[in-house]
Amino acid sequence: MAVLVENARTASFYRLDALLELMGPGWGDALGTGAYRKAALAVLQHTGADPHALRRLGPKRLAALLIRHSRGQWREDRAEKIMEAARETLRLWPDGLLDYAELAEDIAAEAQLADHLKLRDTDGREITEAEGRTICATRYKIDKTDRAKTIIRRRSQHLKGTTTSRRDQESLSAPAASSSASHSTNVTRRTPDAAYGPAELLAAWSA
C-alpha cells in the first residue's frame, strides 16, 4: 500500500512539473521540482501559480503563508522568488495568449491531490515509507500462536464443506426405494393368478 501511495504521489509531482513549465522556467527555482514541499503545495493550492492571483495576494501575505506551512524555513526571500516567477510569466505570456485561470485551476487541483497522497500515522503525523513499514511491523504483527489457530480453523472449515458436499452427491445418486417396493408389490399380486389355468379359474368363479 505504501508503495502505491508513493508512486501516485511521484506521478502527481511530475504532472505539476509539466504544468509549471508552461508558466515559465522561474517556477522551478522558486518552488523546486520533483518533490514539492508542504509550503510549495500550499502556495499552489491557494493561487494555482496564477500571476494575477499572486499579485492580489501580495508579498507580505505570501510570506506569512510560507512561514506558516514551512515552520519558518521559507520566509520573505522565498516569497520574493515566487513573485519574480509570476512577473516572468506575465512577460512571457501577455494577457490573452495563455488562459491563466484555467491553467491555475488544473495546477491547484493537482497540488491538492499531491498533498492528499501522503503516508500518515494514526495521529495525522506525516511519515516516510520506512517509518510506515516499521509501524506495520511493530503494531500489526500477528503472533505465531494466533496464526496457527487461524490456519487450523480454515482447514477445519474446508474439510467440513468437502464432507457435506460428498454426502449430498451420494444421496442424489442412490436409487429410489419407493419405486422398487411398488414394482415388487405388483409382481407379488400377479403371481397367484399366473399359477391357475382357465378351468381352475372358472370353477373358482362358479363356486
Protein backbone atom coordinates (compact mmCIF):
# COMPACT_ATOMS: atom_id res chain seq x y z
CA MET A 1 0.00 0.00 0.00
CA ALA A 2 2.82 2.38 0.90
CA VAL A 3 4.46 1.77 -2.49
CA LEU A 4 1.22 2.55 -4.34
CA VAL A 5 0.77 5.82 -2.45
CA GLU A 6 4.36 6.85 -3.07
CA ASN A 7 4.13 6.04 -6.79
CA ALA A 8 0.91 8.03 -7.15
CA ARG A 9 2.45 10.98 -5.30
CA THR A 10 5.54 10.91 -7.53
CA ALA A 11 3.37 10.83 -10.67
CA SER A 12 1.44 13.83 -9.34
CA PHE A 13 4.72 15.74 -8.84
CA TYR A 14 5.70 15.02 -12.43
CA ARG A 15 2.39 16.42 -13.66
CA LEU A 16 2.97 19.54 -11.58
CA ASP A 17 6.43 19.93 -13.15
CA ALA A 18 4.90 19.80 -16.63
CA LEU A 19 2.15 22.30 -15.79
CA LEU A 20 4.52 24.79 -14.16
CA GLU A 21 6.90 24.60 -17.13
CA LEU A 22 4.12 26.21 -19.17
CA MET A 23 4.17 29.15 -16.78
CA GLY A 24 7.90 29.71 -17.20
CA PRO A 25 11.32 28.43 -16.10
CA GLY A 26 11.41 30.55 -12.94
CA TRP A 27 8.90 28.36 -11.13
CA GLY A 28 11.37 25.50 -10.81
CA ASP A 29 13.79 27.74 -8.91
CA ALA A 30 11.04 29.29 -6.82
CA LEU A 31 9.23 26.12 -5.70
CA GLY A 32 11.59 23.29 -6.55
CA THR A 33 10.89 20.31 -8.79
CA GLY A 34 10.38 16.58 -8.40
CA ALA A 35 9.35 16.59 -4.72
CA TYR A 36 7.35 19.63 -3.66
CA ARG A 37 7.46 20.66 -0.04
CA LYS A 38 4.36 21.34 2.01
CA ALA A 39 4.77 25.12 1.69
CA ALA A 40 5.07 24.90 -2.11
CA LEU A 41 1.92 22.79 -2.34
CA ALA A 42 0.11 25.29 -0.10
CA VAL A 43 1.00 28.17 -2.44
CA LEU A 44 -0.10 26.21 -5.49
CA GLN A 45 -3.39 25.18 -3.87
CA HIS A 46 -4.07 28.77 -2.83
CA THR A 47 -3.11 30.54 -6.07
CA GLY A 48 -2.59 27.88 -8.75
CA ALA A 49 0.55 29.87 -9.74
CA ASP A 50 -1.75 32.41 -11.37
CA PRO A 51 0.36 35.61 -11.59
CA HIS A 52 -2.72 37.81 -11.15
CA ALA A 53 -3.76 35.89 -8.03
CA LEU A 54 -0.25 36.24 -6.62
CA ARG A 55 -0.23 39.99 -7.27
CA ARG A 56 -3.55 40.30 -5.45
CA LEU A 57 -2.18 38.22 -2.56
CA GLY A 58 0.91 40.41 -2.24
CA PRO A 59 4.41 39.60 -0.92
CA LYS A 60 3.56 40.09 2.76
CA ARG A 61 0.63 37.69 2.87
CA LEU A 62 2.53 35.27 0.66
CA ALA A 63 5.45 35.33 3.12
CA ALA A 64 3.05 34.69 6.01
CA LEU A 65 1.61 31.71 4.13
CA LEU A 66 5.10 30.30 3.53
CA ILE A 67 6.18 30.77 7.14
CA ARG A 68 3.07 29.02 8.44
CA HIS A 69 3.38 25.96 6.19
CA SER A 70 7.17 25.61 6.30
CA ARG A 71 7.54 26.20 10.05
CA GLY A 72 9.63 29.25 9.38
CA GLN A 73 12.04 27.70 6.86
CA TRP A 74 10.65 29.66 3.92
CA ARG A 75 10.28 33.37 4.55
CA GLU A 76 10.37 36.74 2.72
CA ASP A 77 13.26 35.80 0.42
CA ARG A 78 11.34 32.77 -0.87
CA ALA A 79 8.23 34.90 -1.31
CA GLU A 80 10.25 37.30 -3.47
CA LYS A 81 11.41 34.42 -5.70
CA ILE A 82 7.81 33.35 -6.22
CA MET A 83 6.72 36.90 -7.04
CA GLU A 84 9.57 37.19 -9.55
CA ALA A 85 8.46 33.93 -11.19
CA ALA A 86 4.96 35.41 -11.50
CA ARG A 87 6.32 38.58 -13.12
CA GLU A 88 8.35 36.47 -15.53
CA THR A 89 5.18 34.58 -16.52
CA LEU A 90 3.46 37.84 -17.37
CA ARG A 91 6.40 38.86 -19.56
CA LEU A 92 6.46 35.51 -21.36
CA TRP A 93 2.69 35.26 -21.77
CA PRO A 94 0.96 38.61 -22.11
CA ASP A 95 -2.75 38.63 -21.36
CA GLY A 96 -4.75 36.76 -23.97
CA LEU A 97 -2.01 34.32 -25.02
CA LEU A 98 -2.46 31.97 -22.07
CA ASP A 99 -5.60 31.26 -20.05
CA TYR A 100 -4.15 31.76 -16.57
CA ALA A 101 -7.38 30.93 -14.77
CA GLU A 102 -7.89 27.59 -16.48
CA LEU A 103 -4.27 26.53 -16.05
CA ALA A 104 -4.26 27.67 -12.42
CA GLU A 105 -7.33 25.54 -11.77
CA ASP A 106 -5.52 22.44 -13.06
CA ILE A 107 -2.40 23.25 -11.04
CA ALA A 108 -4.37 23.82 -7.83
CA ALA A 109 -6.26 20.52 -8.26
CA GLU A 110 -3.03 18.61 -8.89
CA ALA A 111 -1.36 20.22 -5.87
CA GLN A 112 -4.31 19.25 -3.71
CA LEU A 113 -4.05 15.66 -4.93
CA ALA A 114 -0.31 15.54 -4.25
CA ASP A 115 -0.83 16.95 -0.77
CA HIS A 116 -3.50 14.34 -0.07
CA LEU A 117 -1.29 11.43 -1.16
CA LYS A 118 0.79 11.22 2.00
CA LEU A 119 1.58 8.45 4.42
CA ARG A 120 0.33 9.41 7.85
CA ASP A 121 0.31 7.87 11.28
CA THR A 122 -2.95 7.36 13.17
CA ASP A 123 -2.46 10.76 14.84
CA GLY A 124 -2.21 12.51 11.44
CA ARG A 125 1.56 12.99 11.54
CA GLU A 126 3.22 12.66 8.14
CA ILE A 127 5.66 9.76 7.96
CA THR A 128 8.12 8.33 5.46
CA GLU A 129 7.81 4.97 3.72
CA ALA A 130 10.45 3.46 6.03
CA GLU A 131 8.58 4.70 9.10
CA GLY A 132 5.36 3.21 7.74
CA ARG A 133 6.97 -0.21 7.33
CA THR A 134 8.33 -0.05 10.88
CA ILE A 135 4.91 0.85 12.28
CA CYS A 136 3.23 -2.04 10.45
CA ALA A 137 5.89 -4.49 11.63
CA THR A 138 5.60 -3.47 15.29
CA ARG A 139 1.91 -2.64 15.74
CA TYR A 140 0.21 -5.10 13.43
CA LYS A 141 2.41 -8.16 13.75
CA ILE A 142 0.45 -11.44 14.01
CA ASP A 143 1.54 -13.76 16.80
CA LYS A 144 2.65 -17.27 15.78
CA THR A 145 0.03 -18.86 18.01
CA ASP A 146 -2.79 -16.78 16.50
CA ARG A 147 -1.53 -17.54 13.01
CA ALA A 148 -1.54 -21.30 13.74
CA LYS A 149 -5.09 -21.12 15.16
CA THR A 150 -6.28 -19.30 12.06
CA ILE A 151 -4.75 -21.93 9.76
CA ILE A 152 -6.34 -24.80 11.74
CA ARG A 153 -9.76 -23.12 11.72
CA ARG A 154 -9.65 -22.54 7.95
CA ARG A 155 -8.62 -26.15 7.28
CA SER A 156 -11.43 -27.42 9.52
CA GLN A 157 -13.99 -25.31 7.66
CA HIS A 158 -12.66 -26.55 4.33
CA LEU A 159 -12.86 -30.22 5.38
CA LYS A 160 -16.38 -29.74 6.74
CA GLY A 161 -17.53 -28.26 3.48
CA THR A 162 -15.96 -31.11 1.49
CA THR A 163 -17.70 -33.79 3.63
CA THR A 164 -21.10 -32.13 3.27
CA SER A 165 -20.69 -31.95 -0.50
CA ARG A 166 -19.89 -35.69 -0.74
CA ARG A 167 -22.97 -36.63 1.30
CA ASP A 168 -25.19 -34.56 -0.96
CA GLN A 169 -23.78 -36.28 -4.03
CA GLU A 170 -24.29 -39.77 -2.56
CA SER A 171 -27.92 -39.03 -1.63
CA LEU A 172 -28.63 -37.82 -5.17
CA SER A 173 -27.08 -40.91 -6.79
CA ALA A 174 -28.94 -43.50 -4.55
CA PRO A 175 -31.93 -45.33 -6.26
CA ALA A 176 -35.47 -44.51 -5.16
CA ALA A 177 -36.75 -47.09 -2.62
CA SER A 178 -40.45 -46.42 -3.31
CA SER A 179 -40.14 -47.37 -6.96
CA SER A 180 -38.61 -50.78 -6.14
CA ALA A 181 -41.24 -51.53 -3.46
CA SER A 182 -44.07 -50.69 -5.83
CA HIS A 183 -42.65 -52.93 -8.54
CA SER A 184 -42.23 -55.80 -6.08
CA THR A 185 -45.82 -55.49 -4.87
CA ASN A 186 -47.15 -55.60 -8.42
CA VAL A 187 -45.22 -58.77 -9.15
CA THR A 188 -46.50 -60.43 -5.95
CA ARG A 189 -50.10 -59.67 -6.75
CA ARG A 190 -49.87 -61.13 -10.23
CA THR A 191 -48.13 -64.34 -9.17
CA PRO A 192 -51.24 -66.19 -7.79
CA ASP A 193 -53.21 -65.53 -10.99
CA ALA A 194 -50.47 -66.93 -13.10
CA ALA A 195 -50.49 -70.26 -11.08
CA TYR A 196 -54.09 -71.20 -12.16
CA GLY A 197 -55.25 -72.41 -15.53
CA PRO A 198 -58.54 -71.37 -17.28
CA ALA A 199 -60.54 -74.35 -15.91
CA GLU A 200 -59.49 -73.78 -12.35
CA LEU A 201 -60.33 -70.08 -12.57
CA LEU A 202 -63.81 -70.84 -13.99
CA ALA A 203 -64.52 -73.38 -11.21
CA ALA A 204 -63.43 -70.96 -8.56
CA TRP A 205 -65.64 -68.24 -10.08
CA SER A 206 -68.69 -70.52 -10.24
CA ALA A 207 -68.29 -71.54 -6.61
